[in-house]
Amino acid sequence: MTLDQLHAVKQWHVSHRPLQPVEYHAWDAVLTLWVMGWMGLPAALILHRPVAAGGCVLLFFVPGRYVALRRWLHQARRLRCDWLTSLR
């Protein structure tokens, strides 16, 4: 995902927060994990913790995987996801 796409989804969630509070907090958790990956990688490398560094690298992909999962659930008609339109 690009930063513009991340921003568009975040803006959608902020504007729809009163109507969709769970969606808002779920996206906030996704972004928190993503930032933890970016902030934790330098520390893991400095402290020579390869397992932690690998975990941080995996966290880089959390937003994209979350969107892919939600898109799949939306297309399978298992979960409605109105904010997918903000990615276009």
N, C-alpha and C. Protein backbone atom coordinates (compact mmCIF):
# COMPACT_ATOMS: atom_id res chain seq x y z
N MET A 1 0.83 -1.18 0.00
CA MET A 1 0.00 0.00 0.00
C MET A 1 0.87 1.24 0.00
N THR A 2 0.42 2.25 -0.69
CA THR A 2 1.14 3.51 -0.69
C THR A 2 0.69 4.35 0.50
N LEU A 3 1.47 5.37 0.79
CA LEU A 3 1.08 6.28 1.89
C LEU A 3 -0.21 7.01 1.57
N ASP A 4 -0.44 7.32 0.29
CA ASP A 4 -1.69 7.97 -0.10
C ASP A 4 -2.89 7.07 0.18
N GLN A 5 -2.73 5.77 -0.08
CA GLN A 5 -3.82 4.83 0.20
C GLN A 5 -4.05 4.70 1.70
N LEU A 6 -2.97 4.62 2.47
CA LEU A 6 -3.10 4.56 3.93
C LEU A 6 -3.83 5.79 4.45
N HIS A 7 -3.46 6.94 3.90
CA HIS A 7 -4.08 8.20 4.32
C HIS A 7 -5.57 8.23 3.94
N ALA A 8 -5.90 7.77 2.75
CA ALA A 8 -7.29 7.77 2.31
C ALA A 8 -8.15 6.89 3.21
N VAL A 9 -7.65 5.72 3.56
CA VAL A 9 -8.40 4.83 4.44
C VAL A 9 -8.55 5.46 5.83
N LYS A 10 -7.47 6.05 6.32
CA LYS A 10 -7.53 6.69 7.64
C LYS A 10 -8.54 7.84 7.64
N GLN A 11 -8.55 8.64 6.59
CA GLN A 11 -9.50 9.74 6.50
C GLN A 11 -10.94 9.22 6.49
N TRP A 12 -11.17 8.12 5.77
CA TRP A 12 -12.51 7.54 5.76
C TRP A 12 -12.91 7.13 7.17
N HIS A 13 -12.00 6.48 7.87
CA HIS A 13 -12.32 6.01 9.21
C HIS A 13 -12.55 7.18 10.18
N VAL A 14 -11.77 8.23 10.05
CA VAL A 14 -11.96 9.40 10.92
C VAL A 14 -13.31 10.05 10.65
N SER A 15 -13.68 10.17 9.39
CA SER A 15 -14.95 10.83 9.07
C SER A 15 -16.17 9.96 9.42
N HIS A 16 -15.99 8.65 9.50
CA HIS A 16 -17.10 7.76 9.82
C HIS A 16 -17.00 7.17 11.23
N ARG A 17 -16.16 7.75 12.06
CA ARG A 17 -15.94 7.21 13.41
C ARG A 17 -17.21 7.08 14.24
N PRO A 18 -18.10 8.07 14.25
CA PRO A 18 -19.32 7.91 15.06
C PRO A 18 -20.20 6.74 14.61
N LEU A 19 -20.20 6.46 13.31
CA LEU A 19 -21.04 5.39 12.79
C LEU A 19 -20.36 4.03 12.82
N GLN A 20 -19.03 4.01 12.73
CA GLN A 20 -18.27 2.76 12.63
C GLN A 20 -17.11 2.75 13.63
N PRO A 21 -17.37 2.77 14.94
CA PRO A 21 -16.27 2.86 15.90
C PRO A 21 -15.36 1.63 15.91
N VAL A 22 -15.90 0.45 15.68
CA VAL A 22 -15.06 -0.76 15.68
C VAL A 22 -14.12 -0.74 14.49
N GLU A 23 -14.63 -0.32 13.34
CA GLU A 23 -13.78 -0.20 12.15
C GLU A 23 -12.64 0.78 12.41
N TYR A 24 -12.96 1.89 13.04
CA TYR A 24 -11.96 2.91 13.34
C TYR A 24 -10.85 2.34 14.22
N HIS A 25 -11.22 1.64 15.27
CA HIS A 25 -10.23 1.10 16.20
C HIS A 25 -9.45 -0.06 15.59
N ALA A 26 -10.09 -0.85 14.75
CA ALA A 26 -9.38 -1.94 14.07
C ALA A 26 -8.30 -1.37 13.16
N TRP A 27 -8.64 -0.31 12.41
CA TRP A 27 -7.65 0.30 11.52
C TRP A 27 -6.54 0.96 12.33
N ASP A 28 -6.88 1.56 13.45
CA ASP A 28 -5.87 2.14 14.34
C ASP A 28 -4.90 1.06 14.83
N ALA A 29 -5.42 -0.12 15.16
CA ALA A 29 -4.56 -1.22 15.60
C ALA A 29 -3.65 -1.68 14.47
N VAL A 30 -4.16 -1.73 13.26
CA VAL A 30 -3.34 -2.10 12.10
C VAL A 30 -2.21 -1.10 11.92
N LEU A 31 -2.52 0.18 11.99
CA LEU A 31 -1.49 1.20 11.83
C LEU A 31 -0.49 1.18 12.98
N THR A 32 -0.95 0.86 14.18
CA THR A 32 -0.05 0.74 15.33
C THR A 32 0.96 -0.38 15.11
N LEU A 33 0.49 -1.52 14.64
CA LEU A 33 1.40 -2.64 14.36
C LEU A 33 2.41 -2.27 13.27
N TRP A 34 1.94 -1.55 12.25
CA TRP A 34 2.81 -1.13 11.15
C TRP A 34 3.92 -0.21 11.67
N VAL A 35 3.55 0.75 12.50
CA VAL A 35 4.54 1.68 13.06
C VAL A 35 5.48 0.94 14.01
N MET A 36 4.97 -0.02 14.76
CA MET A 36 5.83 -0.81 15.64
C MET A 36 6.90 -1.55 14.82
N GLY A 37 6.53 -2.03 13.65
CA GLY A 37 7.50 -2.69 12.79
C GLY A 37 8.60 -1.73 12.35
N TRP A 38 8.20 -0.55 11.92
CA TRP A 38 9.19 0.44 11.46
C TRP A 38 10.07 0.93 12.60
N MET A 39 9.51 1.10 13.77
CA MET A 39 10.29 1.61 14.90
C MET A 39 11.12 0.51 15.56
N GLY A 40 10.65 -0.71 15.52
CA GLY A 40 11.35 -1.80 16.18
C GLY A 40 12.51 -2.36 15.39
N LEU A 41 12.47 -2.24 14.07
CA LEU A 41 13.54 -2.82 13.25
C LEU A 41 14.92 -2.26 13.57
N PRO A 42 15.10 -0.94 13.64
CA PRO A 42 16.44 -0.44 13.99
C PRO A 42 16.93 -0.95 15.34
N ALA A 43 16.04 -0.98 16.32
CA ALA A 43 16.44 -1.47 17.65
C ALA A 43 16.83 -2.95 17.59
N ALA A 44 16.06 -3.74 16.86
CA ALA A 44 16.36 -5.17 16.75
C ALA A 44 17.70 -5.39 16.04
N LEU A 45 17.98 -4.57 15.05
CA LEU A 45 19.26 -4.70 14.34
C LEU A 45 20.43 -4.28 15.23
N ILE A 46 20.26 -3.19 15.97
CA ILE A 46 21.32 -2.72 16.86
C ILE A 46 21.59 -3.73 17.97
N LEU A 47 20.53 -4.35 18.47
CA LEU A 47 20.68 -5.32 19.57
C LEU A 47 20.98 -6.74 19.08
N HIS A 48 21.13 -6.89 17.76
CA HIS A 48 21.45 -8.19 17.15
C HIS A 48 20.42 -9.26 17.52
N ARG A 49 19.17 -8.92 17.32
CA ARG A 49 18.07 -9.85 17.58
C ARG A 49 17.41 -10.21 16.24
N PRO A 50 17.91 -11.24 15.56
CA PRO A 50 17.38 -11.56 14.22
C PRO A 50 15.91 -11.99 14.23
N VAL A 51 15.46 -12.66 15.26
CA VAL A 51 14.05 -13.07 15.32
C VAL A 51 13.16 -11.84 15.44
N ALA A 52 13.55 -10.91 16.28
CA ALA A 52 12.77 -9.67 16.44
C ALA A 52 12.79 -8.87 15.15
N ALA A 53 13.93 -8.83 14.48
CA ALA A 53 14.03 -8.10 13.21
C ALA A 53 13.10 -8.73 12.17
N GLY A 54 13.07 -10.06 12.13
CA GLY A 54 12.16 -10.74 11.20
C GLY A 54 10.71 -10.43 11.51
N GLY A 55 10.37 -10.38 12.80
CA GLY A 55 9.01 -10.03 13.19
C GLY A 55 8.65 -8.61 12.79
N CYS A 56 9.61 -7.71 12.93
CA CYS A 56 9.37 -6.31 12.53
C CYS A 56 9.16 -6.20 11.03
N VAL A 57 9.92 -6.94 10.26
CA VAL A 57 9.76 -6.93 8.80
C VAL A 57 8.37 -7.45 8.44
N LEU A 58 7.90 -8.48 9.11
CA LEU A 58 6.55 -8.99 8.85
C LEU A 58 5.48 -7.94 9.16
N LEU A 59 5.72 -7.12 10.18
CA LEU A 59 4.75 -6.09 10.53
C LEU A 59 4.63 -5.01 9.45
N PHE A 60 5.64 -4.88 8.59
CA PHE A 60 5.56 -3.91 7.49
C PHE A 60 4.36 -4.21 6.59
N PHE A 61 3.99 -5.47 6.50
CA PHE A 61 2.98 -5.90 5.54
C PHE A 61 1.57 -6.01 6.14
N VAL A 62 1.42 -5.65 7.40
CA VAL A 62 0.11 -5.79 8.06
C VAL A 62 -0.98 -4.97 7.36
N PRO A 63 -0.79 -3.70 7.02
CA PRO A 63 -1.89 -2.96 6.38
C PRO A 63 -2.34 -3.57 5.05
N GLY A 64 -1.40 -3.94 4.22
CA GLY A 64 -1.76 -4.53 2.94
C GLY A 64 -2.47 -5.86 3.08
N ARG A 65 -2.03 -6.68 4.00
CA ARG A 65 -2.66 -7.98 4.23
C ARG A 65 -4.05 -7.80 4.84
N TYR A 66 -4.19 -6.81 5.72
CA TYR A 66 -5.49 -6.54 6.33
C TYR A 66 -6.49 -6.10 5.25
N VAL A 67 -6.06 -5.23 4.37
CA VAL A 67 -6.94 -4.77 3.29
C VAL A 67 -7.28 -5.94 2.37
N ALA A 68 -6.31 -6.78 2.06
CA ALA A 68 -6.57 -7.94 1.20
C ALA A 68 -7.58 -8.88 1.86
N LEU A 69 -7.43 -9.11 3.16
CA LEU A 69 -8.37 -9.96 3.87
C LEU A 69 -9.77 -9.36 3.87
N ARG A 70 -9.87 -8.07 4.15
CA ARG A 70 -11.18 -7.42 4.18
C ARG A 70 -11.81 -7.41 2.79
N ARG A 71 -10.99 -7.21 1.75
CA ARG A 71 -11.51 -7.22 0.38
C ARG A 71 -12.07 -8.61 0.05
N TRP A 72 -11.33 -9.65 0.46
CA TRP A 72 -11.78 -11.02 0.20
C TRP A 72 -13.09 -11.31 0.94
N LEU A 73 -13.17 -10.90 2.22
CA LEU A 73 -14.39 -11.11 2.99
C LEU A 73 -15.56 -10.32 2.40
N HIS A 74 -15.29 -9.13 1.89
CA HIS A 74 -16.33 -8.31 1.28
C HIS A 74 -16.84 -8.96 0.00
N GLN A 75 -15.94 -9.45 -0.83
CA GLN A 75 -16.33 -10.08 -2.08
C GLN A 75 -17.06 -11.41 -1.84
N ALA A 76 -16.71 -12.09 -0.76
CA ALA A 76 -17.39 -13.33 -0.41
C ALA A 76 -18.72 -13.07 0.30
N ARG A 77 -19.06 -11.80 0.49
CA ARG A 77 -20.29 -11.38 1.16
C ARG A 77 -20.40 -11.91 2.59
N ARG A 78 -19.25 -11.96 3.25
CA ARG A 78 -19.23 -12.36 4.65
C ARG A 78 -19.14 -11.16 5.58
N LEU A 79 -18.61 -10.05 5.04
CA LEU A 79 -18.41 -8.85 5.85
C LEU A 79 -18.51 -7.64 4.93
N ARG A 80 -19.33 -6.69 5.32
CA ARG A 80 -19.47 -5.48 4.51
C ARG A 80 -18.34 -4.52 4.84
N CYS A 81 -17.72 -3.98 3.82
CA CYS A 81 -16.57 -3.11 4.02
C CYS A 81 -16.70 -1.89 3.11
N ASP A 82 -17.33 -0.84 3.62
CA ASP A 82 -17.60 0.36 2.84
C ASP A 82 -16.34 1.17 2.53
N TRP A 83 -15.31 1.06 3.35
CA TRP A 83 -14.14 1.91 3.17
C TRP A 83 -13.22 1.44 2.02
N LEU A 84 -13.51 0.30 1.42
CA LEU A 84 -12.70 -0.15 0.29
C LEU A 84 -12.79 0.82 -0.89
N THR A 85 -13.89 1.55 -0.99
CA THR A 85 -14.04 2.50 -2.08
C THR A 85 -13.06 3.67 -1.95
N SER A 86 -12.58 3.92 -0.74
CA SER A 86 -11.62 5.03 -0.54
C SER A 86 -10.25 4.72 -1.12
N LEU A 87 -9.98 3.46 -1.45
CA LEU A 87 -8.68 3.09 -2.01
C LEU A 87 -8.55 3.41 -3.49
N ARG A 88 -9.64 3.68 -4.14
CA ARG A 88 -9.59 3.93 -5.58
C ARG A 88 -9.16 5.33 -5.91
